[in-house]
PDB file of N, CA and C in Angstrom:
ATOM      1  N   MET A   1      -9.876  -1.754  -0.031  1.00  0.00           N
ATOM      2  CA  MET A   1      -9.902  -0.697   0.965  1.00  0.00           C
ATOM      3  C   MET A   1     -10.864  -1.067   2.088  1.00  0.00           C
ATOM      4  N   ASN A   2     -11.465  -0.096   2.630  1.00  0.00           N
ATOM      5  CA  ASN A   2     -12.307  -0.274   3.801  1.00  0.00           C
ATOM      6  C   ASN A   2     -13.706  -0.775   3.421  1.00  0.00           C
ATOM      7  N   PRO A   3     -14.181  -1.860   4.021  1.00  0.00           N
ATOM      8  CA  PRO A   3     -15.514  -2.365   3.682  1.00  0.00           C
ATOM      9  C   PRO A   3     -16.627  -1.381   4.045  1.00  0.00           C
ATOM     10  N   SER A   4     -16.324  -0.387   4.853  1.00  0.00           N
ATOM     11  CA  SER A   4     -17.370   0.591   5.176  1.00  0.00           C
ATOM     12  C   SER A   4     -17.747   1.413   3.946  1.00  0.00           C
ATOM     13  N   TYR A   5     -16.853   1.511   2.961  1.00  0.00           N
ATOM     14  CA  TYR A   5     -17.209   2.236   1.737  1.00  0.00           C
ATOM     15  C   TYR A   5     -18.311   1.488   0.981  1.00  0.00           C
ATOM     16  N   THR A   6     -18.190   0.172   0.910  1.00  0.00           N
ATOM     17  CA  THR A   6     -19.238  -0.622   0.272  1.00  0.00           C
ATOM     18  C   THR A   6     -20.533  -0.494   1.061  1.00  0.00           C
ATOM     19  N   GLY A   7     -20.431  -0.536   2.382  1.00  0.00           N
ATOM     20  CA  GLY A   7     -21.610  -0.349   3.226  1.00  0.00           C
ATOM     21  C   GLY A   7     -22.233   1.022   3.033  1.00  0.00           C
ATOM     22  N   GLY A   8     -21.409   2.027   2.873  1.00  0.00           N
ATOM     23  CA  GLY A   8     -21.917   3.381   2.625  1.00  0.00           C
ATOM     24  C   GLY A   8     -22.676   3.466   1.310  1.00  0.00           C
ATOM     25  N   MET A   9     -22.146   2.813   0.285  1.00  0.00           N
ATOM     26  CA  MET A   9     -22.839   2.817  -1.011  1.00  0.00           C
ATOM     27  C   MET A   9     -24.183   2.107  -0.901  1.00  0.00           C
ATOM     28  N   LEU A  10     -24.233   1.008  -0.172  1.00  0.00           N
ATOM     29  CA  LEU A  10     -25.502   0.301   0.023  1.00  0.00           C
ATOM     30  C   LEU A  10     -26.474   1.159   0.831  1.00  0.00           C
ATOM     31  N   MET A  11     -25.946   1.934   1.767  1.00  0.00           N
ATOM     32  CA  MET A  11     -26.794   2.837   2.546  1.00  0.00           C
ATOM     33  C   MET A  11     -27.408   3.902   1.634  1.00  0.00           C
ATOM     34  N   TYR A  12     -26.588   4.497   0.757  1.00  0.00           N
ATOM     35  CA  TYR A  12     -27.118   5.507  -0.168  1.00  0.00           C
ATOM     36  C   TYR A  12     -28.204   4.912  -1.056  1.00  0.00           C
ATOM     37  N   LEU A  13     -27.978   3.703  -1.540  1.00  0.00           N
ATOM     38  CA  LEU A  13     -28.987   3.038  -2.357  1.00  0.00           C
ATOM     39  C   LEU A  13     -30.254   2.808  -1.549  1.00  0.00           C
ATOM     40  N   GLY A  14     -30.103   2.343  -0.320  1.00  0.00           N
ATOM     41  CA  GLY A  14     -31.268   2.094   0.533  1.00  0.00           C
ATOM     42  C   GLY A  14     -32.052   3.354   0.829  1.00  0.00           C
ATOM     43  N   VAL A  15     -31.367   4.446   1.091  1.00  0.00           N
ATOM     44  CA  VAL A  15     -32.055   5.715   1.348  1.00  0.00           C
ATOM     45  C   VAL A  15     -32.801   6.160   0.096  1.00  0.00           C
ATOM     46  N   GLY A  16     -32.137   6.049  -1.046  1.00  0.00           N
ATOM     47  CA  GLY A  16     -32.798   6.433  -2.301  1.00  0.00           C
ATOM     48  C   GLY A  16     -34.027   5.593  -2.568  1.00  0.00           C
ATOM     49  N   LEU A  17     -33.940   4.293  -2.338  1.00  0.00           N
ATOM     50  CA  LEU A  17     -35.098   3.424  -2.542  1.00  0.00           C
ATOM     51  C   LEU A  17     -36.168   3.684  -1.489  1.00  0.00           C
ATOM     52  N   GLY A  18     -35.730   4.024  -0.268  1.00  0.00           N
ATOM     53  CA  GLY A  18     -36.674   4.342   0.797  1.00  0.00           C
ATOM     54  C   GLY A  18     -37.480   5.598   0.493  1.00  0.00           C
ATOM     55  N   LEU A  19     -36.897   6.484  -0.287  1.00  0.00           N
ATOM     56  CA  LEU A  19     -37.614   7.693  -0.702  1.00  0.00           C
ATOM     57  C   LEU A  19     -38.616   7.390  -1.820  1.00  0.00           C
ATOM     58  N   THR A  20     -38.605   6.136  -2.283  1.00  0.00           N
ATOM     59  CA  THR A  20     -39.465   5.649  -3.373  1.00  0.00           C
ATOM     60  C   THR A  20     -39.370   6.536  -4.611  1.00  0.00           C
ATOM     61  N   ASN A  21     -38.152   6.923  -4.914  1.00  0.00           N
ATOM     62  CA  ASN A  21     -37.919   7.766  -6.079  1.00  0.00           C
ATOM     63  C   ASN A  21     -36.631   7.286  -6.736  1.00  0.00           C
ATOM     64  N   TRP A  22     -36.753   6.744  -7.943  1.00  0.00           N
ATOM     65  CA  TRP A  22     -35.587   6.198  -8.625  1.00  0.00           C
ATOM     66  C   TRP A  22     -34.558   7.275  -8.931  1.00  0.00           C
ATOM     67  N   LEU A  23     -35.000   8.479  -9.217  1.00  0.00           N
ATOM     68  CA  LEU A  23     -34.059   9.557  -9.523  1.00  0.00           C
ATOM     69  C   LEU A  23     -33.210   9.895  -8.296  1.00  0.00           C
ATOM     70  N   SER A  24     -33.844   9.960  -7.133  1.00  0.00           N
ATOM     71  CA  SER A  24     -33.068  10.242  -5.924  1.00  0.00           C
ATOM     72  C   SER A  24     -32.098   9.106  -5.621  1.00  0.00           C
ATOM     73  N   ALA A  25     -32.503   7.870  -5.849  1.00  0.00           N
ATOM     74  CA  ALA A  25     -31.600   6.735  -5.643  1.00  0.00           C
ATOM     75  C   ALA A  25     -30.411   6.841  -6.583  1.00  0.00           C
ATOM     76  N   LEU A  26     -30.657   7.165  -7.837  1.00  0.00           N
ATOM     77  CA  LEU A  26     -29.590   7.303  -8.819  1.00  0.00           C
ATOM     78  C   LEU A  26     -28.630   8.429  -8.445  1.00  0.00           C
ATOM     79  N   ILE A  27     -29.177   9.559  -8.048  1.00  0.00           N
ATOM     80  CA  ILE A  27     -28.340  10.710  -7.680  1.00  0.00           C
ATOM     81  C   ILE A  27     -27.500  10.399  -6.437  1.00  0.00           C
ATOM     82  N   LEU A  28     -28.117   9.798  -5.425  1.00  0.00           N
ATOM     83  CA  LEU A  28     -27.387   9.469  -4.206  1.00  0.00           C
ATOM     84  C   LEU A  28     -26.252   8.484  -4.474  1.00  0.00           C
ATOM     85  N   VAL A  29     -26.531   7.446  -5.240  1.00  0.00           N
ATOM     86  CA  VAL A  29     -25.507   6.438  -5.536  1.00  0.00           C
ATOM     87  C   VAL A  29     -24.404   7.040  -6.413  1.00  0.00           C
ATOM     88  N   ALA A  30     -24.773   7.854  -7.393  1.00  0.00           N
ATOM     89  CA  ALA A  30     -23.771   8.467  -8.269  1.00  0.00           C
ATOM     90  C   ALA A  30     -22.867   9.426  -7.492  1.00  0.00           C
ATOM     91  N   MET A  31     -23.458  10.260  -6.668  1.00  0.00           N
ATOM     92  CA  MET A  31     -22.657  11.213  -5.892  1.00  0.00           C
ATOM     93  C   MET A  31     -21.800  10.492  -4.847  1.00  0.00           C
ATOM     94  N   GLY A  32     -22.375   9.497  -4.187  1.00  0.00           N
ATOM     95  CA  GLY A  32     -21.601   8.721  -3.220  1.00  0.00           C
ATOM     96  C   GLY A  32     -20.452   7.986  -3.895  1.00  0.00           C
ATOM     97  N   GLY A  33     -20.725   7.413  -5.056  1.00  0.00           N
ATOM     98  CA  GLY A  33     -19.677   6.708  -5.800  1.00  0.00           C
ATOM     99  C   GLY A  33     -18.552   7.633  -6.234  1.00  0.00           C
ATOM    100  N   ALA A  34     -18.912   8.812  -6.710  1.00  0.00           N
ATOM    101  CA  ALA A  34     -17.892   9.786  -7.116  1.00  0.00           C
ATOM    102  C   ALA A  34     -17.056  10.232  -5.916  1.00  0.00           C
ATOM    103  N   THR A  35     -17.721  10.453  -4.801  1.00  0.00           N
ATOM    104  CA  THR A  35     -17.004  10.873  -3.589  1.00  0.00           C
ATOM    105  C   THR A  35     -16.057   9.787  -3.103  1.00  0.00           C
ATOM    106  N   TYR A  36     -16.541   8.560  -3.037  1.00  0.00           N
ATOM    107  CA  TYR A  36     -15.684   7.457  -2.589  1.00  0.00           C
ATOM    108  C   TYR A  36     -14.541   7.201  -3.572  1.00  0.00           C
ATOM    109  N   ALA A  37     -14.792   7.318  -4.868  1.00  0.00           N
ATOM    110  CA  ALA A  37     -13.729   7.104  -5.854  1.00  0.00           C
ATOM    111  C   ALA A  37     -12.605   8.118  -5.652  1.00  0.00           C
ATOM    112  N   TYR A  38     -12.970   9.373  -5.418  1.00  0.00           N
ATOM    113  CA  TYR A  38     -11.965  10.400  -5.160  1.00  0.00           C
ATOM    114  C   TYR A  38     -11.219  10.104  -3.859  1.00  0.00           C
ATOM    115  N   ARG A  39     -11.967   9.776  -2.822  1.00  0.00           N
ATOM    116  CA  ARG A  39     -11.360   9.524  -1.516  1.00  0.00           C
ATOM    117  C   ARG A  39     -10.401   8.337  -1.563  1.00  0.00           C
ATOM    118  N   VAL A  40     -10.776   7.289  -2.262  1.00  0.00           N
ATOM    119  CA  VAL A  40      -9.910   6.108  -2.372  1.00  0.00           C
ATOM    120  C   VAL A  40      -8.620   6.461  -3.100  1.00  0.00           C
ATOM    121  N   ARG A  41      -8.723   7.247  -4.172  1.00  0.00           N
ATOM    122  CA  ARG A  41      -7.512   7.660  -4.898  1.00  0.00           C
ATOM    123  C   ARG A  41      -6.563   8.435  -3.988  1.00  0.00           C
ATOM    124  N   VAL A  42      -7.109   9.376  -3.220  1.00  0.00           N
ATOM    125  CA  VAL A  42      -6.280  10.177  -2.316  1.00  0.00           C
ATOM    126  C   VAL A  42      -5.656   9.297  -1.235  1.00  0.00           C
ATOM    127  N   GLU A  43      -6.448   8.412  -0.645  1.00  0.00           N
ATOM    128  CA  GLU A  43      -5.927   7.528   0.403  1.00  0.00           C
ATOM    129  C   GLU A  43      -4.855   6.586  -0.132  1.00  0.00           C
ATOM    130  N   GLU A  44      -5.084   6.006  -1.314  1.00  0.00           N
ATOM    131  CA  GLU A  44      -4.102   5.081  -1.873  1.00  0.00           C
ATOM    132  C   GLU A  44      -2.799   5.791  -2.189  1.00  0.00           C
ATOM    133  N   HIS A  45      -2.890   7.002  -2.662  1.00  0.00           N
ATOM    134  CA  HIS A  45      -1.676   7.768  -2.954  1.00  0.00           C
ATOM    135  C   HIS A  45      -0.909   8.055  -1.655  1.00  0.00           C
ATOM    136  N   ALA A  46      -1.621   8.495  -0.634  1.00  0.00           N
ATOM    137  CA  ALA A  46      -0.979   8.802   0.645  1.00  0.00           C
ATOM    138  C   ALA A  46      -0.354   7.551   1.264  1.00  0.00           C
ATOM    139  N   LEU A  47      -1.077   6.444   1.239  1.00  0.00           N
ATOM    140  CA  LEU A  47      -0.540   5.205   1.816  1.00  0.00           C
ATOM    141  C   LEU A  47       0.625   4.661   0.994  1.00  0.00           C
ATOM    142  N   GLY A  48       0.520   4.759  -0.324  1.00  0.00           N
ATOM    143  CA  GLY A  48       1.620   4.302  -1.177  1.00  0.00           C
ATOM    144  C   GLY A  48       2.876   5.128  -0.955  1.00  0.00           C
ATOM    145  N   THR A  49       2.702   6.427  -0.746  1.00  0.00           N
ATOM    146  CA  THR A  49       3.840   7.305  -0.489  1.00  0.00           C
ATOM    147  C   THR A  49       4.478   7.009   0.859  1.00  0.00           C
ATOM    148  N   SER A  50       3.652   6.826   1.881  1.00  0.00           N
ATOM    149  CA  SER A  50       4.208   6.652   3.229  1.00  0.00           C
ATOM    150  C   SER A  50       4.667   5.221   3.505  1.00  0.00           C
ATOM    151  N   LEU A  51       3.986   4.223   2.962  1.00  0.00           N
ATOM    152  CA  LEU A  51       4.335   2.828   3.249  1.00  0.00           C
ATOM    153  C   LEU A  51       5.180   2.173   2.166  1.00  0.00           C
ATOM    154  N   GLY A  52       5.192   2.749   0.989  1.00  0.00           N
ATOM    155  CA  GLY A  52       6.058   2.275  -0.083  1.00  0.00           C
ATOM    156  C   GLY A  52       5.595   0.988  -0.752  1.00  0.00           C
ATOM    157  N   PHE A  53       6.574   0.166  -1.127  1.00  0.00           N
ATOM    158  CA  PHE A  53       6.304  -1.025  -1.937  1.00  0.00           C
ATOM    159  C   PHE A  53       5.426  -2.054  -1.225  1.00  0.00           C
ATOM    160  N   ALA A  54       5.488  -2.104   0.078  1.00  0.00           N
ATOM    161  CA  ALA A  54       4.650  -3.065   0.799  1.00  0.00           C
ATOM    162  C   ALA A  54       3.170  -2.785   0.534  1.00  0.00           C
ATOM    163  N   TYR A  55       2.779  -1.521   0.573  1.00  0.00           N
ATOM    164  CA  TYR A  55       1.381  -1.189   0.332  1.00  0.00           C
ATOM    165  C   TYR A  55       1.028  -1.324  -1.147  1.00  0.00           C
ATOM    166  N   LEU A  56       1.932  -0.975  -2.023  1.00  0.00           N
ATOM    167  CA  LEU A  56       1.660  -1.119  -3.458  1.00  0.00           C
ATOM    168  C   LEU A  56       1.427  -2.578  -3.822  1.00  0.00           C
ATOM    169  N   GLY A  57       2.172  -3.485  -3.213  1.00  0.00           N
ATOM    170  CA  GLY A  57       1.949  -4.917  -3.423  1.00  0.00           C
ATOM    171  C   GLY A  57       0.604  -5.361  -2.873  1.00  0.00           C
ATOM    172  N   TYR A  58       0.252  -4.833  -1.711  1.00  0.00           N
ATOM    173  CA  TYR A  58      -1.051  -5.139  -1.108  1.00  0.00           C
ATOM    174  C   TYR A  58      -2.185  -4.683  -2.013  1.00  0.00           C
ATOM    175  N   MET A  59      -2.049  -3.496  -2.597  1.00  0.00           N
ATOM    176  CA  MET A  59      -3.087  -2.971  -3.487  1.00  0.00           C
ATOM    177  C   MET A  59      -3.323  -3.890  -4.685  1.00  0.00           C
ATOM    178  N   GLN A  60      -2.268  -4.496  -5.179  1.00  0.00           N
ATOM    179  CA  GLN A  60      -2.400  -5.329  -6.375  1.00  0.00           C
ATOM    180  C   GLN A  60      -3.079  -6.661  -6.101  1.00  0.00           C
ATOM    181  N   ARG A  61      -3.070  -7.126  -4.865  1.00  0.00           N
ATOM    182  CA  ARG A  61      -3.679  -8.433  -4.586  1.00  0.00           C
ATOM    183  C   ARG A  61      -5.009  -8.329  -3.841  1.00  0.00           C
ATOM    184  N   THR A  62      -5.503  -7.126  -3.611  1.00  0.00           N
ATOM    185  CA  THR A  62      -6.795  -6.957  -2.936  1.00  0.00           C
ATOM    186  C   THR A  62      -7.732  -6.110  -3.790  1.00  0.00           C
ATOM    187  N   THR A  63      -9.016  -6.193  -3.478  1.00  0.00           N
ATOM    188  CA  THR A  63     -10.017  -5.391  -4.190  1.00  0.00           C
ATOM    189  C   THR A  63     -10.368  -4.163  -3.367  1.00  0.00           C
ATOM    190  N   ARG A  64     -11.026  -3.206  -4.007  1.00  0.00           N
ATOM    191  CA  ARG A  64     -11.327  -1.956  -3.318  1.00  0.00           C
ATOM    192  C   ARG A  64     -12.700  -1.957  -2.661  1.00  0.00           C
ATOM    193  N   PHE A  65     -13.700  -2.407  -3.370  1.00  0.00           N
ATOM    194  CA  PHE A  65     -15.065  -2.270  -2.867  1.00  0.00           C
ATOM    195  C   PHE A  65     -15.803  -3.588  -2.697  1.00  0.00           C
ATOM    196  N   ILE A  66     -15.830  -4.398  -3.740  1.00  0.00           N
ATOM    197  CA  ILE A  66     -16.592  -5.634  -3.717  1.00  0.00           C
ATOM    198  C   ILE A  66     -15.616  -6.811  -3.736  1.00  0.00           C
ATOM    199  N   PRO A  67     -15.577  -7.624  -2.677  1.00  0.00           N
ATOM    200  CA  PRO A  67     -14.619  -8.729  -2.623  1.00  0.00           C
ATOM    201  C   PRO A  67     -14.706  -9.636  -3.856  1.00  0.00           C
ATOM    202  N   PHE A  68     -13.555  -9.974  -4.392  1.00  0.00           N
ATOM    203  CA  PHE A  68     -13.378 -10.837  -5.565  1.00  0.00           C
ATOM    204  C   PHE A  68     -13.886 -10.216  -6.872  1.00  0.00           C
ATOM    205  N   VAL A  69     -14.332  -8.961  -6.841  1.00  0.00           N
ATOM    206  CA  VAL A  69     -14.828  -8.325  -8.064  1.00  0.00           C
ATOM    207  C   VAL A  69     -14.058  -7.057  -8.371  1.00  0.00           C
ATOM    208  N   PHE A  70     -14.178  -6.037  -7.504  1.00  0.00           N
ATOM    209  CA  PHE A  70     -13.531  -4.739  -7.729  1.00  0.00           C
ATOM    210  C   PHE A  70     -13.160  -4.122  -6.413  1.00  0.00           C
TER     211      PHE A  70
END
Protein backbone atom coordinates (compact mmCIF):
# COMPACT_ATOMS: atom_id res chain seq x y z
CA MET A 1 0.00 0.00 0.00
CA ASN A 2 1.05 3.54 0.59
CA PRO A 3 4.52 4.09 2.11
CA SER A 4 3.08 7.00 4.08
CA TYR A 5 1.46 4.44 6.39
CA THR A 6 4.89 3.12 7.35
CA GLY A 7 6.05 6.71 7.79
CA GLY A 8 3.04 7.41 9.98
CA MET A 9 3.85 4.45 12.21
CA LEU A 10 7.44 5.66 12.56
CA MET A 11 6.10 9.12 13.42
CA TYR A 12 3.90 7.68 16.19
CA LEU A 13 6.88 5.78 17.56
CA GLY A 14 9.02 8.92 17.42
CA VAL A 15 6.42 11.01 19.22
CA GLY A 16 6.05 8.35 21.90
CA LEU A 17 9.81 8.16 22.39
CA GLY A 18 10.02 11.96 22.33
CA LEU A 19 7.63 12.02 25.27
CA THR A 20 10.22 9.83 27.06
CA ASN A 21 7.49 7.49 28.18
CA TRP A 22 7.46 3.89 26.99
CA LEU A 23 3.76 3.50 27.79
CA SER A 24 2.82 6.43 25.58
CA ALA A 25 5.01 5.06 22.78
CA LEU A 26 3.31 1.67 23.10
CA ILE A 27 -0.18 3.17 23.12
CA LEU A 28 0.51 5.45 20.15
CA VAL A 29 2.01 2.65 18.05
CA ALA A 30 -0.75 0.19 19.00
CA MET A 31 -3.56 2.62 18.22
CA GLY A 32 -1.90 3.79 15.00
CA GLY A 33 -1.34 0.19 13.94
CA ALA A 34 -4.95 -0.75 14.63
CA THR A 35 -6.18 2.28 12.71
CA TYR A 36 -3.96 1.62 9.71
CA ALA A 37 -4.85 -2.10 9.70
CA TYR A 38 -8.54 -1.22 9.51
CA ARG A 39 -7.96 1.45 6.87
CA VAL A 40 -5.89 -0.88 4.69
CA ARG A 41 -8.59 -3.57 4.83
CA VAL A 42 -11.26 -1.07 3.76
CA GLU A 43 -9.09 0.37 0.98
CA GLU A 44 -8.10 -3.05 -0.36
CA HIS A 45 -11.71 -4.16 -0.44
CA ALA A 46 -12.80 -1.00 -2.27
CA LEU A 47 -9.94 -1.22 -4.78
CA GLY A 48 -10.47 -4.95 -5.32
CA THR A 49 -14.16 -4.34 -5.98
CA SER A 50 -13.63 -1.45 -8.38
CA LEU A 51 -10.47 -2.61 -10.19
CA GLY A 52 -11.07 -6.36 -10.08
CA PHE A 53 -8.50 -9.04 -10.82
CA ALA A 54 -5.77 -6.61 -11.85
CA TYR A 55 -5.63 -5.17 -8.34
CA LEU A 56 -6.01 -8.55 -6.65
CA GLY A 57 -2.95 -9.76 -8.57
CA TYR A 58 -1.06 -6.63 -7.57
CA MET A 59 -1.91 -7.24 -3.91
CA GLN A 60 -0.42 -10.72 -4.05
CA ARG A 61 2.97 -9.58 -5.36
CA THR A 62 3.46 -6.48 -3.19
CA THR A 63 3.80 -5.82 0.53
CA ARG A 64 1.63 -3.53 2.61
CA PHE A 65 3.91 -1.75 5.04
CA ILE A 66 7.53 -2.88 5.10
CA PRO A 67 9.14 -3.63 1.71
CA PHE A 68 10.13 -7.30 1.29
CA VAL A 69 8.67 -8.15 4.73
CA PHE A 70 4.96 -7.31 5.19
